[in-house]
Amino acid sequence: MKKIILLLLIVATISACHKDDDNDETLPPATQTGAGTFACKINGQSFIDTSGGYFNCYYQLIDGEYFFGIGGNDRDLRPWSIFIQTNAKSIIQGETDPLLENITNNATGGGGFPETLETIYTNQQYTGELTITKLDFTNHIVSGTFWFNIKHPTTGATIEIREGRFDTLFTQ
């Protein structure tokens, strides 16, 4: 009887310690302090920027139009880069913008695929949303959440980008 109990305890311990083969790493919290984070889930796997918070984030006025951009890299996943940007479109705290084509007056999302040297953007069929949760011009902090879909460049499968969040400083 003792051997059976010991065996059950060992099996329970091993089961409790087993890590799911899918990347179940916890995403950083959605903050609004300029923490230097960029993360999301790609088809359920955690994508966490590996640059240590030194990615390029800007919100700039150029020729009377605003351009916003932020992106992160995680070379262990495909796509290995994820980004959000606007093209001659302002971002406003508390507002949600659709992520559509990469054209003037739109916000767009996308991903980079180094094996095909392609960058794939959202469009009318593969869309998403960007919500700016904080835009602080005094401290240059921008925070937000996002989700979107894109089409894989070789397989044609839908790639789901979910639970996206960023919190960082921006340049003007």
N, C-alpha and C. Protein backbone atom coordinates (compact mmCIF):
# COMPACT_ATOMS: atom_id res chain seq x y z
N MET A 1 0.83 -1.20 0.00
CA MET A 1 0.00 0.00 0.00
C MET A 1 0.87 1.26 0.00
N LYS A 2 1.97 1.23 0.78
CA LYS A 2 2.86 2.39 0.83
C LYS A 2 3.46 2.66 -0.55
N LYS A 3 3.79 1.58 -1.29
CA LYS A 3 4.37 1.76 -2.62
C LYS A 3 3.37 2.41 -3.58
N ILE A 4 2.10 2.03 -3.45
CA ILE A 4 1.07 2.62 -4.32
C ILE A 4 0.90 4.10 -4.00
N ILE A 5 0.86 4.46 -2.74
CA ILE A 5 0.72 5.86 -2.33
C ILE A 5 1.94 6.66 -2.81
N LEU A 6 3.13 6.09 -2.61
CA LEU A 6 4.35 6.76 -3.07
C LEU A 6 4.32 6.95 -4.59
N LEU A 7 3.89 5.93 -5.31
CA LEU A 7 3.81 6.03 -6.77
C LEU A 7 2.81 7.11 -7.19
N LEU A 8 1.67 7.17 -6.52
CA LEU A 8 0.66 8.20 -6.82
C LEU A 8 1.20 9.60 -6.54
N LEU A 9 1.93 9.76 -5.45
CA LEU A 9 2.53 11.06 -5.13
C LEU A 9 3.55 11.47 -6.18
N ILE A 10 4.35 10.53 -6.65
CA ILE A 10 5.35 10.84 -7.68
C ILE A 10 4.66 11.25 -8.98
N VAL A 11 3.64 10.50 -9.37
CA VAL A 11 2.91 10.84 -10.60
C VAL A 11 2.25 12.21 -10.46
N ALA A 12 1.65 12.51 -9.31
CA ALA A 12 1.01 13.81 -9.09
C ALA A 12 2.03 14.94 -9.15
N THR A 13 3.20 14.72 -8.57
CA THR A 13 4.24 15.73 -8.59
C THR A 13 4.74 15.98 -10.01
N ILE A 14 4.98 14.92 -10.76
CA ILE A 14 5.44 15.08 -12.14
C ILE A 14 4.38 15.78 -12.98
N SER A 15 3.13 15.42 -12.79
CA SER A 15 2.04 16.07 -13.54
C SER A 15 1.95 17.54 -13.22
N ALA A 16 2.11 17.90 -11.96
CA ALA A 16 2.03 19.30 -11.55
C ALA A 16 3.19 20.11 -12.11
N CYS A 17 4.35 19.48 -12.28
CA CYS A 17 5.53 20.18 -12.77
C CYS A 17 5.61 20.23 -14.28
N HIS A 18 4.80 19.45 -14.98
CA HIS A 18 4.86 19.41 -16.44
C HIS A 18 4.44 20.76 -17.02
N LYS A 19 5.31 21.31 -17.85
CA LYS A 19 5.01 22.56 -18.53
C LYS A 19 4.43 22.22 -19.89
N ASP A 20 3.37 22.86 -20.24
CA ASP A 20 2.72 22.67 -21.53
C ASP A 20 3.74 22.95 -22.64
N ASP A 21 3.73 22.13 -23.67
CA ASP A 21 4.65 22.34 -24.79
C ASP A 21 4.36 23.63 -25.52
N ASP A 22 3.10 24.09 -25.51
CA ASP A 22 2.80 25.40 -26.07
C ASP A 22 3.40 26.45 -25.16
N ASN A 23 3.84 27.53 -25.72
CA ASN A 23 4.45 28.60 -24.95
C ASN A 23 3.39 29.22 -24.04
N ASP A 24 3.43 28.90 -22.76
CA ASP A 24 2.41 29.42 -21.83
C ASP A 24 2.98 30.50 -20.92
N GLU A 25 4.05 31.14 -21.37
CA GLU A 25 4.66 32.22 -20.62
C GLU A 25 3.63 33.33 -20.40
N THR A 26 3.60 33.87 -19.23
CA THR A 26 2.66 34.93 -18.89
C THR A 26 3.08 36.23 -19.54
N LEU A 27 2.11 36.93 -20.12
CA LEU A 27 2.40 38.24 -20.70
C LEU A 27 2.60 39.25 -19.58
N PRO A 28 3.39 40.29 -19.83
CA PRO A 28 3.50 41.34 -18.81
C PRO A 28 2.15 42.02 -18.61
N PRO A 29 1.92 42.59 -17.45
CA PRO A 29 0.62 43.25 -17.20
C PRO A 29 0.43 44.46 -18.10
N ALA A 30 -0.82 44.79 -18.36
CA ALA A 30 -1.16 46.00 -19.12
C ALA A 30 -1.04 47.18 -18.16
N THR A 31 0.06 47.94 -18.28
CA THR A 31 0.34 49.06 -17.39
C THR A 31 0.28 50.37 -18.16
N GLN A 32 0.42 51.49 -17.44
CA GLN A 32 0.40 52.82 -18.05
C GLN A 32 1.45 53.72 -17.41
N THR A 33 2.65 53.18 -17.24
CA THR A 33 3.71 53.89 -16.53
C THR A 33 4.94 54.16 -17.38
N GLY A 34 4.94 53.74 -18.64
CA GLY A 34 6.14 53.84 -19.48
C GLY A 34 7.10 52.71 -19.19
N ALA A 35 6.57 51.53 -18.87
CA ALA A 35 7.37 50.40 -18.42
C ALA A 35 8.27 49.78 -19.49
N GLY A 36 8.10 50.13 -20.75
CA GLY A 36 8.94 49.55 -21.80
C GLY A 36 8.55 48.14 -22.17
N THR A 37 7.25 47.88 -22.31
CA THR A 37 6.78 46.54 -22.63
C THR A 37 6.01 46.54 -23.95
N PHE A 38 6.09 45.40 -24.63
CA PHE A 38 5.32 45.14 -25.85
C PHE A 38 5.14 43.64 -25.91
N ALA A 39 3.87 43.18 -25.90
CA ALA A 39 3.61 41.74 -25.88
C ALA A 39 2.24 41.45 -26.46
N CYS A 40 2.05 40.19 -26.85
CA CYS A 40 0.75 39.71 -27.34
C CYS A 40 0.80 38.19 -27.39
N LYS A 41 -0.29 37.59 -27.85
CA LYS A 41 -0.33 36.16 -28.12
C LYS A 41 -0.44 35.99 -29.63
N ILE A 42 0.38 35.10 -30.18
CA ILE A 42 0.29 34.74 -31.59
C ILE A 42 -0.22 33.31 -31.65
N ASN A 43 -1.46 33.16 -32.13
CA ASN A 43 -2.10 31.84 -32.15
C ASN A 43 -1.95 31.13 -30.81
N GLY A 44 -2.12 31.88 -29.73
CA GLY A 44 -2.09 31.32 -28.37
C GLY A 44 -0.72 31.27 -27.73
N GLN A 45 0.34 31.54 -28.47
CA GLN A 45 1.69 31.51 -27.90
C GLN A 45 2.13 32.92 -27.51
N SER A 46 2.79 33.03 -26.38
CA SER A 46 3.23 34.33 -25.89
C SER A 46 4.35 34.91 -26.74
N PHE A 47 4.14 36.14 -27.20
CA PHE A 47 5.13 36.92 -27.94
C PHE A 47 5.49 38.07 -27.01
N ILE A 48 6.72 38.09 -26.52
CA ILE A 48 7.17 39.14 -25.61
C ILE A 48 8.43 39.76 -26.20
N ASP A 49 8.40 41.06 -26.43
CA ASP A 49 9.53 41.73 -27.02
C ASP A 49 10.80 41.39 -26.28
N THR A 50 11.84 41.06 -27.03
CA THR A 50 13.11 40.64 -26.44
C THR A 50 14.17 41.73 -26.47
N SER A 51 13.78 42.96 -26.82
CA SER A 51 14.78 44.03 -26.91
C SER A 51 15.07 44.67 -25.55
N GLY A 52 14.37 44.28 -24.52
CA GLY A 52 14.58 44.86 -23.21
C GLY A 52 13.99 46.26 -23.08
N GLY A 53 12.97 46.56 -23.88
CA GLY A 53 12.31 47.85 -23.78
C GLY A 53 12.93 48.94 -24.62
N TYR A 54 13.87 48.57 -25.51
CA TYR A 54 14.55 49.57 -26.33
C TYR A 54 14.05 49.56 -27.78
N PHE A 55 12.79 49.24 -27.97
CA PHE A 55 12.24 49.26 -29.32
C PHE A 55 11.87 50.69 -29.71
N ASN A 56 11.68 50.88 -30.99
CA ASN A 56 11.36 52.20 -31.52
C ASN A 56 9.87 52.48 -31.35
N CYS A 57 9.54 53.55 -30.66
CA CYS A 57 8.16 54.01 -30.55
C CYS A 57 8.15 55.50 -30.80
N TYR A 58 7.30 55.94 -31.71
CA TYR A 58 7.27 57.36 -32.04
C TYR A 58 5.82 57.82 -32.22
N TYR A 59 5.61 59.10 -31.99
CA TYR A 59 4.35 59.79 -32.32
C TYR A 59 4.77 61.17 -32.78
N GLN A 60 4.81 61.36 -34.09
CA GLN A 60 5.43 62.56 -34.64
C GLN A 60 4.48 63.31 -35.57
N LEU A 61 4.61 64.63 -35.53
CA LEU A 61 3.88 65.52 -36.42
C LEU A 61 4.80 65.83 -37.61
N ILE A 62 4.39 65.39 -38.80
CA ILE A 62 5.18 65.60 -40.01
C ILE A 62 4.28 66.22 -41.06
N ASP A 63 4.65 67.40 -41.53
CA ASP A 63 3.88 68.12 -42.55
C ASP A 63 2.40 68.23 -42.18
N GLY A 64 2.13 68.50 -40.90
CA GLY A 64 0.77 68.70 -40.44
C GLY A 64 -0.03 67.44 -40.16
N GLU A 65 0.58 66.29 -40.29
CA GLU A 65 -0.10 65.01 -40.05
C GLU A 65 0.66 64.22 -38.98
N TYR A 66 -0.09 63.46 -38.15
CA TYR A 66 0.52 62.64 -37.11
C TYR A 66 0.77 61.22 -37.60
N PHE A 67 1.93 60.70 -37.19
CA PHE A 67 2.31 59.33 -37.50
C PHE A 67 2.74 58.66 -36.20
N PHE A 68 2.15 57.50 -35.89
CA PHE A 68 2.46 56.73 -34.70
C PHE A 68 2.99 55.37 -35.13
N GLY A 69 3.95 54.86 -34.39
CA GLY A 69 4.46 53.53 -34.67
C GLY A 69 5.09 52.90 -33.46
N ILE A 70 4.86 51.61 -33.30
CA ILE A 70 5.49 50.82 -32.25
C ILE A 70 5.56 49.37 -32.73
N GLY A 71 6.59 48.68 -32.32
CA GLY A 71 6.70 47.27 -32.68
C GLY A 71 7.66 46.56 -31.77
N GLY A 72 7.58 45.26 -31.79
CA GLY A 72 8.46 44.44 -30.97
C GLY A 72 8.93 43.23 -31.74
N ASN A 73 9.96 42.59 -31.22
CA ASN A 73 10.55 41.40 -31.84
C ASN A 73 10.62 40.26 -30.84
N ASP A 74 10.31 39.07 -31.32
CA ASP A 74 10.52 37.83 -30.57
C ASP A 74 10.90 36.79 -31.60
N ARG A 75 12.18 36.58 -31.79
CA ARG A 75 12.67 35.76 -32.90
C ARG A 75 12.35 34.28 -32.76
N ASP A 76 11.72 33.87 -31.65
CA ASP A 76 11.34 32.48 -31.48
C ASP A 76 10.00 32.15 -32.13
N LEU A 77 9.24 33.17 -32.57
CA LEU A 77 7.92 32.95 -33.12
C LEU A 77 7.83 33.46 -34.55
N ARG A 78 6.80 33.05 -35.25
CA ARG A 78 6.50 33.56 -36.59
C ARG A 78 5.08 34.08 -36.59
N PRO A 79 4.88 35.34 -36.95
CA PRO A 79 5.91 36.28 -37.36
C PRO A 79 6.83 36.64 -36.20
N TRP A 80 8.07 37.05 -36.50
CA TRP A 80 9.01 37.37 -35.44
C TRP A 80 8.98 38.85 -35.07
N SER A 81 8.31 39.67 -35.87
CA SER A 81 8.10 41.06 -35.47
C SER A 81 6.61 41.37 -35.62
N ILE A 82 6.11 42.14 -34.66
CA ILE A 82 4.72 42.60 -34.66
C ILE A 82 4.77 44.11 -34.50
N PHE A 83 3.93 44.82 -35.25
CA PHE A 83 3.93 46.27 -35.14
C PHE A 83 2.54 46.84 -35.36
N ILE A 84 2.36 48.05 -34.86
CA ILE A 84 1.15 48.85 -35.03
C ILE A 84 1.62 50.22 -35.52
N GLN A 85 0.90 50.81 -36.47
CA GLN A 85 1.28 52.14 -36.93
C GLN A 85 0.06 52.88 -37.47
N THR A 86 0.19 54.20 -37.52
CA THR A 86 -0.81 55.03 -38.20
C THR A 86 -0.13 55.78 -39.32
N ASN A 87 -0.91 56.12 -40.32
CA ASN A 87 -0.41 56.83 -41.48
C ASN A 87 -1.25 58.09 -41.64
N ALA A 88 -0.69 59.23 -41.22
CA ALA A 88 -1.40 60.52 -41.27
C ALA A 88 -2.72 60.44 -40.50
N LYS A 89 -2.64 59.86 -39.29
CA LYS A 89 -3.83 59.69 -38.45
C LYS A 89 -3.43 59.88 -36.99
N SER A 90 -4.14 60.73 -36.29
CA SER A 90 -3.89 60.97 -34.87
C SER A 90 -4.37 59.79 -34.04
N ILE A 91 -3.71 59.59 -32.91
CA ILE A 91 -4.22 58.65 -31.91
C ILE A 91 -4.74 59.48 -30.74
N ILE A 92 -5.80 59.00 -30.10
CA ILE A 92 -6.44 59.75 -29.02
C ILE A 92 -6.68 58.80 -27.85
N GLN A 93 -6.29 59.24 -26.66
CA GLN A 93 -6.49 58.43 -25.47
C GLN A 93 -7.96 58.10 -25.30
N GLY A 94 -8.25 56.83 -25.04
CA GLY A 94 -9.61 56.37 -24.81
C GLY A 94 -10.37 55.96 -26.06
N GLU A 95 -9.79 56.18 -27.22
CA GLU A 95 -10.47 55.82 -28.47
C GLU A 95 -9.91 54.53 -29.04
N THR A 96 -10.79 53.82 -29.74
CA THR A 96 -10.42 52.58 -30.42
C THR A 96 -10.47 52.82 -31.92
N ASP A 97 -9.38 52.48 -32.60
CA ASP A 97 -9.29 52.62 -34.05
C ASP A 97 -9.25 51.25 -34.70
N PRO A 98 -9.95 51.09 -35.82
CA PRO A 98 -9.82 49.83 -36.56
C PRO A 98 -8.45 49.74 -37.21
N LEU A 99 -7.90 48.55 -37.26
CA LEU A 99 -6.64 48.29 -37.96
C LEU A 99 -7.00 47.74 -39.33
N LEU A 100 -6.70 48.54 -40.36
CA LEU A 100 -7.09 48.22 -41.73
C LEU A 100 -5.88 48.29 -42.64
N GLU A 101 -6.06 48.74 -43.88
CA GLU A 101 -4.96 48.83 -44.84
C GLU A 101 -3.91 49.85 -44.39
N ASN A 102 -2.72 49.66 -44.92
CA ASN A 102 -1.62 50.58 -44.65
C ASN A 102 -1.69 51.72 -45.67
N ILE A 103 -2.69 52.61 -45.50
CA ILE A 103 -2.86 53.75 -46.38
C ILE A 103 -3.12 55.00 -45.54
N THR A 104 -3.07 56.16 -46.18
CA THR A 104 -3.28 57.43 -45.50
C THR A 104 -4.61 57.43 -44.73
N ASN A 105 -4.58 58.03 -43.54
CA ASN A 105 -5.72 58.17 -42.63
C ASN A 105 -6.17 56.86 -42.00
N ASN A 106 -5.32 55.85 -41.98
CA ASN A 106 -5.65 54.57 -41.37
C ASN A 106 -4.62 54.20 -40.31
N ALA A 107 -5.06 53.30 -39.43
CA ALA A 107 -4.17 52.58 -38.54
C ALA A 107 -4.06 51.17 -39.09
N THR A 108 -2.91 50.55 -38.92
CA THR A 108 -2.69 49.20 -39.44
C THR A 108 -1.85 48.40 -38.46
N GLY A 109 -1.96 47.11 -38.55
CA GLY A 109 -1.12 46.19 -37.79
C GLY A 109 -0.42 45.28 -38.77
N GLY A 110 0.66 44.66 -38.33
CA GLY A 110 1.34 43.78 -39.24
C GLY A 110 2.38 42.91 -38.56
N GLY A 111 2.97 42.06 -39.38
CA GLY A 111 3.99 41.16 -38.89
C GLY A 111 5.04 40.91 -39.94
N GLY A 112 6.27 40.67 -39.49
CA GLY A 112 7.39 40.41 -40.38
C GLY A 112 7.78 38.95 -40.37
N PHE A 113 7.99 38.41 -41.56
CA PHE A 113 8.36 37.01 -41.75
C PHE A 113 9.74 36.96 -42.42
N PRO A 114 10.80 36.75 -41.65
CA PRO A 114 12.15 36.82 -42.23
C PRO A 114 12.42 35.73 -43.26
N GLU A 115 11.79 34.57 -43.13
CA GLU A 115 12.06 33.49 -44.07
C GLU A 115 11.56 33.80 -45.48
N THR A 116 10.56 34.68 -45.61
CA THR A 116 10.06 35.07 -46.93
C THR A 116 10.38 36.53 -47.24
N LEU A 117 11.01 37.22 -46.30
CA LEU A 117 11.33 38.64 -46.44
C LEU A 117 10.09 39.48 -46.72
N GLU A 118 8.96 39.06 -46.12
CA GLU A 118 7.71 39.77 -46.34
C GLU A 118 7.20 40.40 -45.05
N THR A 119 6.53 41.52 -45.23
CA THR A 119 5.79 42.16 -44.15
C THR A 119 4.33 42.10 -44.55
N ILE A 120 3.51 41.53 -43.69
CA ILE A 120 2.09 41.35 -43.97
C ILE A 120 1.29 42.31 -43.09
N TYR A 121 0.36 43.05 -43.70
CA TYR A 121 -0.45 44.04 -43.00
C TYR A 121 -1.90 43.59 -42.88
N THR A 122 -2.60 44.22 -41.95
CA THR A 122 -4.05 44.06 -41.90
C THR A 122 -4.64 44.68 -43.16
N ASN A 123 -5.88 44.32 -43.45
CA ASN A 123 -6.57 44.85 -44.63
C ASN A 123 -8.08 44.76 -44.39
N GLN A 124 -8.88 44.90 -45.42
CA GLN A 124 -10.34 44.85 -45.25
C GLN A 124 -10.82 43.48 -44.78
N GLN A 125 -10.14 42.41 -45.15
CA GLN A 125 -10.54 41.06 -44.76
C GLN A 125 -9.92 40.65 -43.42
N TYR A 126 -8.68 41.00 -43.20
CA TYR A 126 -7.96 40.66 -41.97
C TYR A 126 -7.79 41.96 -41.19
N THR A 127 -8.61 42.15 -40.17
CA THR A 127 -8.68 43.42 -39.45
C THR A 127 -8.32 43.24 -37.98
N GLY A 128 -8.47 44.32 -37.24
CA GLY A 128 -8.25 44.30 -35.81
C GLY A 128 -8.59 45.65 -35.21
N GLU A 129 -8.12 45.87 -33.97
CA GLU A 129 -8.39 47.12 -33.27
C GLU A 129 -7.21 47.53 -32.43
N LEU A 130 -7.03 48.84 -32.30
CA LEU A 130 -6.03 49.46 -31.44
C LEU A 130 -6.76 50.41 -30.50
N THR A 131 -6.53 50.27 -29.20
CA THR A 131 -7.09 51.19 -28.21
C THR A 131 -5.95 51.84 -27.47
N ILE A 132 -5.90 53.17 -27.50
CA ILE A 132 -4.89 53.91 -26.75
C ILE A 132 -5.45 54.15 -25.36
N THR A 133 -4.81 53.57 -24.35
CA THR A 133 -5.29 53.69 -22.97
C THR A 133 -4.64 54.86 -22.24
N LYS A 134 -3.47 55.30 -22.71
CA LYS A 134 -2.82 56.48 -22.13
C LYS A 134 -1.97 57.15 -23.19
N LEU A 135 -2.09 58.48 -23.25
CA LEU A 135 -1.25 59.29 -24.14
C LEU A 135 -0.88 60.54 -23.36
N ASP A 136 0.33 60.55 -22.82
CA ASP A 136 0.81 61.60 -21.92
C ASP A 136 1.95 62.34 -22.62
N PHE A 137 1.65 63.57 -23.10
CA PHE A 137 2.66 64.35 -23.81
C PHE A 137 3.71 64.95 -22.88
N THR A 138 3.37 65.16 -21.62
CA THR A 138 4.33 65.71 -20.66
C THR A 138 5.45 64.72 -20.37
N ASN A 139 5.08 63.46 -20.11
CA ASN A 139 6.06 62.43 -19.78
C ASN A 139 6.40 61.51 -20.95
N HIS A 140 5.80 61.77 -22.10
CA HIS A 140 6.01 60.98 -23.33
C HIS A 140 5.70 59.51 -23.14
N ILE A 141 4.58 59.20 -22.47
CA ILE A 141 4.15 57.83 -22.25
C ILE A 141 2.98 57.52 -23.18
N VAL A 142 3.04 56.38 -23.83
CA VAL A 142 1.91 55.88 -24.61
C VAL A 142 1.69 54.41 -24.22
N SER A 143 0.44 54.09 -23.96
CA SER A 143 0.05 52.73 -23.60
C SER A 143 -1.18 52.36 -24.40
N GLY A 144 -1.33 51.08 -24.66
CA GLY A 144 -2.50 50.66 -25.40
C GLY A 144 -2.64 49.16 -25.45
N THR A 145 -3.77 48.75 -26.05
CA THR A 145 -4.06 47.35 -26.28
C THR A 145 -4.41 47.16 -27.75
N PHE A 146 -4.24 45.94 -28.24
CA PHE A 146 -4.55 45.68 -29.64
C PHE A 146 -4.82 44.21 -29.87
N TRP A 147 -5.48 43.96 -30.98
CA TRP A 147 -5.65 42.61 -31.51
C TRP A 147 -5.82 42.75 -33.03
N PHE A 148 -5.42 41.74 -33.77
CA PHE A 148 -5.67 41.73 -35.21
C PHE A 148 -5.38 40.36 -35.79
N ASN A 149 -5.81 40.18 -37.03
CA ASN A 149 -5.53 38.98 -37.81
C ASN A 149 -4.72 39.38 -39.04
N ILE A 150 -3.83 38.49 -39.45
CA ILE A 150 -3.13 38.65 -40.73
C ILE A 150 -3.07 37.29 -41.40
N LYS A 151 -2.80 37.31 -42.70
CA LYS A 151 -2.72 36.08 -43.48
C LYS A 151 -1.26 35.66 -43.61
N HIS A 152 -0.98 34.40 -43.30
CA HIS A 152 0.39 33.88 -43.43
C HIS A 152 0.81 33.96 -44.90
N PRO A 153 2.03 34.46 -45.18
CA PRO A 153 2.43 34.70 -46.57
C PRO A 153 2.60 33.45 -47.43
N THR A 154 2.86 32.29 -46.83
CA THR A 154 3.05 31.09 -47.66
C THR A 154 1.92 30.09 -47.52
N THR A 155 1.39 29.91 -46.30
CA THR A 155 0.34 28.91 -46.11
C THR A 155 -1.06 29.47 -46.34
N GLY A 156 -1.21 30.78 -46.21
CA GLY A 156 -2.54 31.38 -46.34
C GLY A 156 -3.39 31.26 -45.09
N ALA A 157 -2.86 30.62 -44.04
CA ALA A 157 -3.60 30.46 -42.79
C ALA A 157 -3.76 31.80 -42.08
N THR A 158 -4.85 31.93 -41.35
CA THR A 158 -5.07 33.13 -40.55
C THR A 158 -4.21 33.07 -39.29
N ILE A 159 -3.45 34.12 -39.04
CA ILE A 159 -2.66 34.24 -37.83
C ILE A 159 -3.40 35.19 -36.91
N GLU A 160 -3.70 34.73 -35.70
CA GLU A 160 -4.44 35.53 -34.72
C GLU A 160 -3.50 36.16 -33.71
N ILE A 161 -3.49 37.48 -33.71
CA ILE A 161 -2.72 38.26 -32.74
C ILE A 161 -3.73 38.72 -31.70
N ARG A 162 -3.57 38.30 -30.44
CA ARG A 162 -4.56 38.59 -29.40
C ARG A 162 -3.86 39.09 -28.12
N GLU A 163 -4.65 39.69 -27.25
CA GLU A 163 -4.20 40.16 -25.93
C GLU A 163 -3.00 41.09 -26.02
N GLY A 164 -2.88 41.83 -27.12
CA GLY A 164 -1.75 42.72 -27.31
C GLY A 164 -1.79 43.89 -26.34
N ARG A 165 -0.60 44.26 -25.87
CA ARG A 165 -0.47 45.41 -24.97
C ARG A 165 0.92 46.01 -25.11
N PHE A 166 0.98 47.32 -24.90
CA PHE A 166 2.27 48.01 -24.89
C PHE A 166 2.18 49.16 -23.90
N ASP A 167 3.32 49.52 -23.36
CA ASP A 167 3.44 50.62 -22.41
C ASP A 167 4.88 51.10 -22.47
N THR A 168 5.08 52.28 -23.05
CA THR A 168 6.46 52.72 -23.26
C THR A 168 6.53 54.23 -23.40
N LEU A 169 7.74 54.71 -23.56
CA LEU A 169 7.99 56.11 -23.86
C LEU A 169 8.02 56.28 -25.36
N PHE A 170 7.60 57.43 -25.85
CA PHE A 170 7.66 57.69 -27.28
C PHE A 170 8.48 58.93 -27.57
N THR A 171 9.03 58.98 -28.78
CA THR A 171 9.74 60.17 -29.23
C THR A 171 8.79 61.00 -30.08
N GLN A 172 9.04 62.32 -30.06
CA GLN A 172 8.21 63.22 -30.86
C GLN A 172 9.00 63.79 -31.99
